[in-house]
């Protein structure tokens, strides 16, 4: 299974992004170390992993600690070594949140989620992307993981840094 991973770090109000290699990652602590190495002085570091344009993993570190993780579908953990390393120990997310009445943040809510999200969908909630929005983006028909990352980047203000790092 192929993947694309990008780390995004925020120091003060400035965002930077960089593609990262997760080939040597054996568990979430290894992934956290990759994040710390990418942006050692960051107040906040995010890691986005797009696996085969099907699965999205989002990881968050605050001040180099307090690792939180979300995966769009538990199936990723069963289909790859990296998926198992990043999501293998996570519990399913409560998808009842997806029916939120927050119309402003969810332009087109899905009616049914055909995946089993795991981890903490609300890991970006305090930054402006509530768990219900992240779940809705992941479930929206036609949305690929890279599209979800782009939408999150726009919402959080790092779209330009992401574009500079990925060329997309």
N, C-alpha and C. Protein backbone atom coordinates (compact mmCIF):
# COMPACT_ATOMS: atom_id res chain seq x y z
N UNK A 1 0.85 -1.17 0.00
CA UNK A 1 0.00 0.00 0.00
C UNK A 1 0.90 1.24 0.00
N UNK A 2 0.64 2.15 -0.90
CA UNK A 2 1.44 3.37 -0.96
C UNK A 2 0.80 4.47 -0.10
N UNK A 3 1.59 5.43 0.28
CA UNK A 3 1.09 6.51 1.11
C UNK A 3 1.79 7.81 0.74
N UNK A 4 1.19 8.91 1.16
CA UNK A 4 1.79 10.23 1.06
C UNK A 4 1.61 10.86 2.43
N UNK A 5 2.69 11.39 3.01
CA UNK A 5 2.61 11.98 4.34
C UNK A 5 3.20 13.38 4.34
N UNK A 6 2.50 14.28 5.00
CA UNK A 6 2.98 15.65 5.13
C UNK A 6 2.79 16.09 6.58
N UNK A 7 3.84 16.68 7.13
CA UNK A 7 3.79 17.25 8.47
C UNK A 7 3.62 18.76 8.32
N UNK A 8 2.85 19.33 9.24
CA UNK A 8 2.59 20.76 9.23
C UNK A 8 2.87 21.26 10.64
N UNK A 9 3.70 22.29 10.74
CA UNK A 9 4.03 22.84 12.04
C UNK A 9 3.67 24.30 12.15
N UNK A 10 3.19 24.69 13.32
CA UNK A 10 2.84 26.09 13.57
C UNK A 10 3.68 26.60 14.72
N UNK A 11 4.35 27.71 14.46
CA UNK A 11 5.11 28.41 15.50
C UNK A 11 4.57 29.82 15.54
N UNK A 12 3.88 30.16 16.63
CA UNK A 12 3.19 31.44 16.69
C UNK A 12 2.04 31.42 15.70
N UNK A 13 2.06 32.36 14.75
CA UNK A 13 1.03 32.41 13.71
C UNK A 13 1.51 31.85 12.38
N UNK A 14 2.76 31.41 12.31
CA UNK A 14 3.35 30.96 11.06
C UNK A 14 3.28 29.44 10.92
N UNK A 15 2.83 29.01 9.74
CA UNK A 15 2.73 27.60 9.41
C UNK A 15 3.82 27.22 8.41
N UNK A 16 4.36 26.03 8.57
CA UNK A 16 5.28 25.44 7.61
C UNK A 16 4.83 24.01 7.37
N UNK A 17 5.14 23.49 6.19
CA UNK A 17 4.77 22.11 5.87
C UNK A 17 5.94 21.44 5.17
N UNK A 18 6.02 20.12 5.34
CA UNK A 18 7.09 19.35 4.70
C UNK A 18 6.62 17.91 4.51
N UNK A 19 6.95 17.36 3.35
CA UNK A 19 6.69 15.93 3.15
C UNK A 19 7.62 15.16 4.08
N UNK A 20 7.13 14.05 4.62
CA UNK A 20 7.92 13.24 5.53
C UNK A 20 7.86 11.77 5.11
N UNK A 21 8.88 11.04 5.49
CA UNK A 21 9.01 9.62 5.17
C UNK A 21 8.65 8.82 6.43
N UNK A 22 7.69 7.92 6.29
CA UNK A 22 7.26 7.10 7.41
C UNK A 22 7.63 5.63 7.25
N UNK A 23 8.54 5.34 6.32
CA UNK A 23 8.90 3.95 6.05
C UNK A 23 9.47 3.23 7.27
N UNK A 24 10.16 3.93 8.14
CA UNK A 24 10.78 3.30 9.31
C UNK A 24 9.87 3.34 10.55
N UNK A 25 8.67 3.87 10.42
CA UNK A 25 7.76 4.00 11.56
C UNK A 25 7.18 2.64 11.92
N UNK A 26 7.35 2.26 13.20
CA UNK A 26 6.84 0.98 13.68
C UNK A 26 5.64 1.15 14.61
N UNK A 27 5.47 2.37 15.16
CA UNK A 27 4.33 2.63 16.05
C UNK A 27 4.08 4.14 16.12
N UNK A 28 3.08 4.53 16.90
CA UNK A 28 2.71 5.95 16.96
C UNK A 28 3.82 6.80 17.56
N UNK A 29 4.60 6.25 18.45
CA UNK A 29 5.71 7.02 19.03
C UNK A 29 6.77 7.33 17.98
N UNK A 30 7.02 6.39 17.07
CA UNK A 30 7.94 6.67 15.96
C UNK A 30 7.39 7.78 15.08
N UNK A 31 6.08 7.75 14.82
CA UNK A 31 5.46 8.81 14.02
C UNK A 31 5.56 10.16 14.72
N UNK A 32 5.36 10.16 16.04
CA UNK A 32 5.50 11.40 16.81
C UNK A 32 6.92 11.94 16.73
N UNK A 33 7.89 11.05 16.73
CA UNK A 33 9.29 11.48 16.62
C UNK A 33 9.56 12.10 15.25
N UNK A 34 8.98 11.54 14.20
CA UNK A 34 9.10 12.14 12.87
C UNK A 34 8.52 13.56 12.88
N UNK A 35 7.40 13.74 13.55
CA UNK A 35 6.77 15.06 13.65
C UNK A 35 7.67 16.03 14.41
N UNK A 36 8.23 15.57 15.52
CA UNK A 36 9.12 16.42 16.33
C UNK A 36 10.36 16.82 15.53
N UNK A 37 10.91 15.88 14.78
CA UNK A 37 12.11 16.17 13.98
C UNK A 37 11.80 17.14 12.85
N UNK A 38 10.61 17.04 12.26
CA UNK A 38 10.25 17.92 11.16
C UNK A 38 10.12 19.38 11.63
N UNK A 39 9.54 19.57 12.83
CA UNK A 39 9.32 20.92 13.35
C UNK A 39 9.61 20.95 14.85
N UNK A 40 10.91 20.95 15.22
CA UNK A 40 11.28 20.83 16.63
C UNK A 40 10.81 21.99 17.52
N UNK A 41 10.60 23.17 16.96
CA UNK A 41 10.21 24.33 17.76
C UNK A 41 8.73 24.66 17.65
N UNK A 42 7.96 23.81 17.02
CA UNK A 42 6.55 24.11 16.77
C UNK A 42 5.72 24.04 18.05
N UNK A 43 4.75 24.96 18.12
CA UNK A 43 3.75 24.92 19.20
C UNK A 43 2.76 23.80 18.94
N UNK A 44 2.51 23.56 17.66
CA UNK A 44 1.54 22.58 17.22
C UNK A 44 2.08 21.90 15.96
N UNK A 45 2.02 20.58 15.92
CA UNK A 45 2.45 19.84 14.73
C UNK A 45 1.33 18.88 14.36
N UNK A 46 1.01 18.86 13.07
CA UNK A 46 0.01 17.94 12.53
C UNK A 46 0.68 17.04 11.51
N UNK A 47 0.21 15.84 11.41
CA UNK A 47 0.69 14.90 10.40
C UNK A 47 -0.53 14.35 9.68
N UNK A 48 -0.50 14.43 8.35
CA UNK A 48 -1.58 13.91 7.52
C UNK A 48 -0.99 12.78 6.67
N UNK A 49 -1.63 11.62 6.71
CA UNK A 49 -1.19 10.48 5.93
C UNK A 49 -2.34 10.04 5.03
N UNK A 50 -2.10 10.09 3.73
CA UNK A 50 -3.06 9.66 2.72
C UNK A 50 -2.56 8.32 2.19
N UNK A 51 -3.33 7.26 2.43
CA UNK A 51 -2.94 5.93 1.98
C UNK A 51 -3.81 5.51 0.80
N UNK A 52 -3.16 5.35 -0.33
CA UNK A 52 -3.82 4.87 -1.56
C UNK A 52 -5.07 5.65 -1.93
N UNK A 53 -5.11 6.93 -1.63
CA UNK A 53 -6.28 7.77 -1.93
C UNK A 53 -7.57 7.21 -1.34
N UNK A 54 -7.45 6.40 -0.28
CA UNK A 54 -8.63 5.79 0.34
C UNK A 54 -8.75 6.10 1.82
N UNK A 55 -7.63 6.15 2.52
CA UNK A 55 -7.65 6.28 3.97
C UNK A 55 -6.86 7.52 4.40
N UNK A 56 -7.38 8.19 5.42
CA UNK A 56 -6.71 9.37 5.95
C UNK A 56 -6.42 9.15 7.43
N UNK A 57 -5.19 9.47 7.81
CA UNK A 57 -4.82 9.50 9.22
C UNK A 57 -4.37 10.92 9.53
N UNK A 58 -4.84 11.45 10.66
CA UNK A 58 -4.43 12.78 11.14
C UNK A 58 -3.88 12.58 12.54
N UNK A 59 -2.68 13.11 12.77
CA UNK A 59 -2.07 13.05 14.09
C UNK A 59 -1.76 14.47 14.54
N UNK A 60 -1.82 14.70 15.84
CA UNK A 60 -1.57 16.03 16.40
C UNK A 60 -0.68 15.94 17.62
N UNK A 61 0.31 16.83 17.65
CA UNK A 61 1.19 17.00 18.81
C UNK A 61 1.14 18.45 19.24
N UNK A 62 0.89 18.69 20.50
CA UNK A 62 0.94 20.04 21.05
C UNK A 62 2.23 20.19 21.84
N UNK A 63 3.06 21.15 21.45
CA UNK A 63 4.34 21.40 22.10
C UNK A 63 5.18 20.14 22.23
N UNK A 64 5.12 19.28 21.22
CA UNK A 64 5.93 18.06 21.21
C UNK A 64 5.39 16.93 22.04
N UNK A 65 4.25 17.14 22.71
CA UNK A 65 3.64 16.12 23.58
C UNK A 65 2.16 15.96 23.25
N UNK A 66 1.49 15.14 24.06
CA UNK A 66 0.05 14.95 23.96
C UNK A 66 -0.37 14.53 22.55
N UNK A 67 0.06 13.35 22.14
CA UNK A 67 -0.24 12.82 20.82
C UNK A 67 -1.70 12.39 20.75
N UNK A 68 -2.39 12.87 19.72
CA UNK A 68 -3.78 12.49 19.46
C UNK A 68 -3.88 12.06 18.00
N UNK A 69 -4.73 11.06 17.74
CA UNK A 69 -4.80 10.48 16.40
C UNK A 69 -6.23 10.23 15.97
N UNK A 70 -6.48 10.43 14.68
CA UNK A 70 -7.76 10.10 14.05
C UNK A 70 -7.49 9.34 12.77
N UNK A 71 -8.28 8.31 12.50
CA UNK A 71 -8.20 7.58 11.25
C UNK A 71 -9.58 7.50 10.62
N UNK A 72 -9.64 7.74 9.32
CA UNK A 72 -10.93 7.76 8.63
C UNK A 72 -11.59 6.39 8.56
N UNK A 73 -10.80 5.31 8.65
CA UNK A 73 -11.38 3.98 8.55
C UNK A 73 -10.45 2.96 9.20
N UNK A 74 -10.99 2.19 10.12
CA UNK A 74 -10.22 1.15 10.80
C UNK A 74 -9.67 0.11 9.83
N UNK A 75 -10.29 -0.02 8.67
CA UNK A 75 -9.84 -1.01 7.69
C UNK A 75 -8.38 -0.78 7.29
N UNK A 76 -7.93 0.48 7.29
CA UNK A 76 -6.55 0.81 6.96
C UNK A 76 -5.58 0.07 7.87
N UNK A 77 -5.93 -0.05 9.16
CA UNK A 77 -5.06 -0.73 10.11
C UNK A 77 -4.89 -2.20 9.76
N UNK A 78 -5.91 -2.77 9.16
CA UNK A 78 -5.83 -4.19 8.84
C UNK A 78 -5.20 -4.46 7.46
N UNK A 79 -4.99 -3.40 6.68
CA UNK A 79 -4.52 -3.60 5.32
C UNK A 79 -3.06 -3.24 5.09
N UNK A 80 -2.39 -2.64 6.07
CA UNK A 80 -1.00 -2.28 5.85
C UNK A 80 -0.22 -2.22 7.15
N UNK A 81 1.08 -2.36 7.03
CA UNK A 81 1.96 -2.25 8.18
C UNK A 81 1.87 -0.86 8.78
N UNK A 82 1.89 0.19 7.94
CA UNK A 82 1.81 1.56 8.44
C UNK A 82 0.46 1.83 9.08
N UNK A 83 -0.60 1.33 8.47
CA UNK A 83 -1.94 1.50 9.06
C UNK A 83 -2.02 0.88 10.44
N UNK A 84 -1.45 -0.32 10.59
CA UNK A 84 -1.43 -0.98 11.89
C UNK A 84 -0.61 -0.17 12.89
N UNK A 85 0.51 0.37 12.45
CA UNK A 85 1.38 1.16 13.34
C UNK A 85 0.67 2.42 13.83
N UNK A 86 -0.07 3.08 12.95
CA UNK A 86 -0.71 4.36 13.30
C UNK A 86 -2.07 4.20 13.97
N UNK A 87 -2.83 3.18 13.58
CA UNK A 87 -4.23 3.08 14.03
C UNK A 87 -4.56 1.81 14.80
N UNK A 88 -3.64 0.87 14.87
CA UNK A 88 -3.93 -0.45 15.43
C UNK A 88 -4.49 -0.46 16.83
N UNK A 89 -4.14 0.51 17.67
CA UNK A 89 -4.60 0.50 19.06
C UNK A 89 -5.78 1.43 19.32
N UNK A 90 -6.36 2.02 18.28
CA UNK A 90 -7.43 3.00 18.47
C UNK A 90 -8.81 2.37 18.50
N UNK A 91 -9.69 2.99 19.26
CA UNK A 91 -11.08 2.55 19.36
C UNK A 91 -11.91 3.25 18.29
N UNK A 92 -13.02 2.60 17.86
CA UNK A 92 -13.90 3.25 16.88
C UNK A 92 -14.44 4.58 17.41
N UNK A 93 -14.59 5.53 16.50
CA UNK A 93 -15.13 6.85 16.81
C UNK A 93 -16.65 6.74 16.87
N UNK A 94 -17.27 7.54 17.72
CA UNK A 94 -18.73 7.59 17.80
C UNK A 94 -19.24 8.39 16.61
N UNK A 95 -19.81 7.72 15.63
CA UNK A 95 -20.24 8.39 14.40
C UNK A 95 -21.59 9.08 14.54
N UNK A 96 -22.19 9.03 15.70
CA UNK A 96 -23.44 9.77 15.91
C UNK A 96 -23.21 11.27 15.73
N UNK A 97 -21.97 11.72 15.99
CA UNK A 97 -21.61 13.13 15.82
C UNK A 97 -21.85 13.62 14.40
N UNK A 98 -21.85 12.72 13.46
CA UNK A 98 -21.94 13.12 12.06
C UNK A 98 -23.29 13.75 11.72
N UNK A 99 -24.30 13.51 12.54
CA UNK A 99 -25.62 14.07 12.31
C UNK A 99 -25.80 15.41 13.03
N UNK A 100 -24.75 16.08 13.32
CA UNK A 100 -24.79 17.37 14.01
C UNK A 100 -25.67 18.36 13.26
N UNK A 101 -26.25 19.26 13.98
CA UNK A 101 -27.09 20.30 13.36
C UNK A 101 -26.30 21.56 13.05
N UNK A 102 -24.98 21.48 13.09
CA UNK A 102 -24.12 22.62 12.82
C UNK A 102 -24.03 22.86 11.32
N UNK A 103 -25.06 23.50 10.76
CA UNK A 103 -25.17 23.71 9.32
C UNK A 103 -24.04 24.57 8.76
N UNK A 104 -23.53 25.50 9.55
CA UNK A 104 -22.48 26.39 9.06
C UNK A 104 -21.19 25.65 8.76
N UNK A 105 -20.87 24.67 9.55
CA UNK A 105 -19.59 23.99 9.37
C UNK A 105 -19.69 22.78 8.45
N UNK A 106 -20.89 22.31 8.19
CA UNK A 106 -21.06 21.14 7.32
C UNK A 106 -21.98 21.52 6.17
N UNK A 107 -21.40 21.80 5.03
CA UNK A 107 -22.19 22.23 3.88
C UNK A 107 -23.05 21.09 3.33
N UNK A 108 -22.50 19.90 3.26
CA UNK A 108 -23.25 18.77 2.71
C UNK A 108 -22.95 17.53 3.53
N UNK A 109 -23.76 17.31 4.55
CA UNK A 109 -23.54 16.15 5.41
C UNK A 109 -23.90 14.86 4.69
N UNK A 110 -23.13 13.83 4.91
CA UNK A 110 -23.49 12.53 4.33
C UNK A 110 -24.67 11.96 5.11
N UNK A 111 -25.43 11.11 4.48
CA UNK A 111 -26.53 10.47 5.19
C UNK A 111 -26.08 9.18 5.84
N UNK A 112 -25.00 8.61 5.35
CA UNK A 112 -24.52 7.35 5.90
C UNK A 112 -23.01 7.28 5.77
N UNK A 113 -22.37 6.83 6.83
CA UNK A 113 -20.93 6.68 6.84
C UNK A 113 -20.61 5.22 6.52
N UNK A 114 -19.89 4.96 5.42
CA UNK A 114 -19.59 3.58 5.04
C UNK A 114 -18.18 3.17 5.45
N UNK A 115 -17.68 3.77 6.51
CA UNK A 115 -16.36 3.45 7.04
C UNK A 115 -16.46 3.38 8.56
N UNK A 116 -15.41 2.91 9.19
CA UNK A 116 -15.38 2.85 10.64
C UNK A 116 -14.26 3.75 11.15
N UNK A 117 -14.57 5.05 11.37
CA UNK A 117 -13.53 5.96 11.86
C UNK A 117 -13.04 5.52 13.24
N UNK A 118 -11.77 5.79 13.50
CA UNK A 118 -11.17 5.43 14.79
C UNK A 118 -10.43 6.63 15.36
N UNK A 119 -10.27 6.61 16.67
CA UNK A 119 -9.50 7.66 17.32
C UNK A 119 -10.37 8.84 17.70
N UNK A 120 -9.79 10.01 17.63
CA UNK A 120 -10.41 11.24 18.12
C UNK A 120 -10.72 12.20 16.98
N UNK A 121 -11.94 12.14 16.47
CA UNK A 121 -12.34 13.00 15.35
C UNK A 121 -12.27 14.48 15.71
N UNK A 122 -12.40 14.81 16.98
CA UNK A 122 -12.42 16.21 17.40
C UNK A 122 -11.02 16.77 17.70
N UNK A 123 -9.96 16.10 17.22
CA UNK A 123 -8.61 16.56 17.55
C UNK A 123 -8.28 17.94 16.98
N UNK A 124 -9.05 18.43 16.01
CA UNK A 124 -8.83 19.77 15.44
C UNK A 124 -9.95 20.74 15.84
N UNK A 125 -10.82 20.31 16.72
CA UNK A 125 -11.98 21.11 17.11
C UNK A 125 -11.64 22.49 17.66
N UNK A 126 -10.64 22.57 18.51
CA UNK A 126 -10.26 23.86 19.08
C UNK A 126 -9.60 24.79 18.06
N UNK A 127 -9.24 24.24 16.91
CA UNK A 127 -8.61 25.04 15.85
C UNK A 127 -9.62 25.51 14.81
N UNK A 128 -10.86 25.00 14.89
CA UNK A 128 -11.89 25.43 13.97
C UNK A 128 -12.46 24.36 13.07
N UNK A 129 -12.02 23.11 13.25
CA UNK A 129 -12.57 22.00 12.46
C UNK A 129 -13.13 20.98 13.46
N UNK A 130 -14.41 21.12 13.81
CA UNK A 130 -15.01 20.19 14.77
C UNK A 130 -15.01 18.76 14.25
N UNK A 131 -15.12 17.81 15.16
CA UNK A 131 -15.14 16.41 14.78
C UNK A 131 -16.24 16.09 13.79
N UNK A 132 -17.41 16.71 13.96
CA UNK A 132 -18.52 16.45 13.03
C UNK A 132 -18.15 16.88 11.62
N UNK A 133 -17.40 17.96 11.49
CA UNK A 133 -16.98 18.43 10.17
C UNK A 133 -15.95 17.48 9.57
N UNK A 134 -14.98 17.07 10.36
CA UNK A 134 -13.96 16.14 9.86
C UNK A 134 -14.60 14.83 9.42
N UNK A 135 -15.52 14.31 10.22
CA UNK A 135 -16.22 13.08 9.85
C UNK A 135 -17.02 13.27 8.57
N UNK A 136 -17.70 14.41 8.45
CA UNK A 136 -18.49 14.67 7.26
C UNK A 136 -17.62 14.79 6.01
N UNK A 137 -16.48 15.44 6.15
CA UNK A 137 -15.57 15.55 5.00
C UNK A 137 -15.07 14.18 4.57
N UNK A 138 -14.71 13.35 5.55
CA UNK A 138 -14.21 12.01 5.23
C UNK A 138 -15.28 11.15 4.58
N UNK A 139 -16.54 11.38 4.92
CA UNK A 139 -17.63 10.55 4.42
C UNK A 139 -18.27 11.09 3.15
N UNK A 140 -17.98 12.34 2.81
CA UNK A 140 -18.62 12.96 1.66
C UNK A 140 -18.24 12.23 0.37
N UNK A 141 -19.24 11.88 -0.41
CA UNK A 141 -19.00 11.14 -1.64
C UNK A 141 -18.11 11.95 -2.58
N UNK A 142 -17.10 11.28 -3.12
CA UNK A 142 -16.18 11.92 -4.06
C UNK A 142 -15.00 12.60 -3.41
N UNK A 143 -15.00 12.73 -2.07
CA UNK A 143 -13.88 13.36 -1.37
C UNK A 143 -12.77 12.34 -1.16
N UNK A 144 -11.60 12.68 -1.65
CA UNK A 144 -10.43 11.84 -1.43
C UNK A 144 -9.69 12.39 -0.21
N UNK A 145 -8.82 11.59 0.41
CA UNK A 145 -8.07 12.10 1.56
C UNK A 145 -7.34 13.42 1.26
N UNK A 146 -6.77 13.56 0.08
CA UNK A 146 -6.07 14.81 -0.25
C UNK A 146 -7.04 15.98 -0.29
N UNK A 147 -8.29 15.75 -0.68
CA UNK A 147 -9.30 16.81 -0.67
C UNK A 147 -9.64 17.22 0.76
N UNK A 148 -9.73 16.23 1.64
CA UNK A 148 -10.01 16.51 3.05
C UNK A 148 -8.87 17.35 3.63
N UNK A 149 -7.64 16.97 3.35
CA UNK A 149 -6.48 17.72 3.85
C UNK A 149 -6.52 19.15 3.32
N UNK A 150 -6.85 19.33 2.05
CA UNK A 150 -6.94 20.68 1.48
C UNK A 150 -8.00 21.52 2.17
N UNK A 151 -9.15 20.92 2.45
CA UNK A 151 -10.22 21.65 3.14
C UNK A 151 -9.80 22.03 4.56
N UNK A 152 -9.16 21.10 5.25
CA UNK A 152 -8.66 21.40 6.60
C UNK A 152 -7.61 22.51 6.53
N UNK A 153 -6.71 22.43 5.54
CA UNK A 153 -5.67 23.45 5.38
C UNK A 153 -6.27 24.83 5.17
N UNK A 154 -7.31 24.92 4.37
CA UNK A 154 -7.99 26.21 4.16
C UNK A 154 -8.60 26.72 5.46
N UNK A 155 -9.26 25.83 6.18
CA UNK A 155 -9.92 26.22 7.43
C UNK A 155 -8.93 26.68 8.49
N UNK A 156 -7.78 26.02 8.57
CA UNK A 156 -6.82 26.33 9.62
C UNK A 156 -5.79 27.38 9.20
N UNK A 157 -5.71 27.68 7.90
CA UNK A 157 -4.82 28.74 7.44
C UNK A 157 -3.44 28.30 6.99
N UNK A 158 -3.27 27.03 6.64
CA UNK A 158 -1.96 26.60 6.16
C UNK A 158 -1.99 26.10 4.73
N UNK A 159 -2.99 26.50 3.97
CA UNK A 159 -3.12 26.05 2.58
C UNK A 159 -1.90 26.44 1.74
N UNK A 160 -1.40 27.65 1.92
CA UNK A 160 -0.24 28.09 1.13
C UNK A 160 1.00 27.28 1.49
N UNK A 161 1.24 27.04 2.78
CA UNK A 161 2.39 26.25 3.20
C UNK A 161 2.28 24.82 2.67
N UNK A 162 1.08 24.27 2.68
CA UNK A 162 0.86 22.93 2.16
C UNK A 162 1.15 22.88 0.66
N UNK A 163 0.67 23.88 -0.04
CA UNK A 163 0.92 23.93 -1.50
C UNK A 163 2.40 24.06 -1.80
N UNK A 164 3.11 24.90 -1.03
CA UNK A 164 4.54 25.06 -1.24
C UNK A 164 5.29 23.74 -1.01
N UNK A 165 4.86 22.98 0.00
CA UNK A 165 5.55 21.75 0.35
C UNK A 165 5.26 20.61 -0.62
N UNK A 166 4.04 20.58 -1.12
CA UNK A 166 3.62 19.43 -1.93
C UNK A 166 3.59 19.74 -3.42
N UNK A 167 3.59 21.01 -3.77
CA UNK A 167 3.49 21.38 -5.17
C UNK A 167 2.11 21.17 -5.75
N UNK A 168 1.16 20.91 -4.87
CA UNK A 168 -0.23 20.66 -5.33
C UNK A 168 -1.10 21.89 -5.15
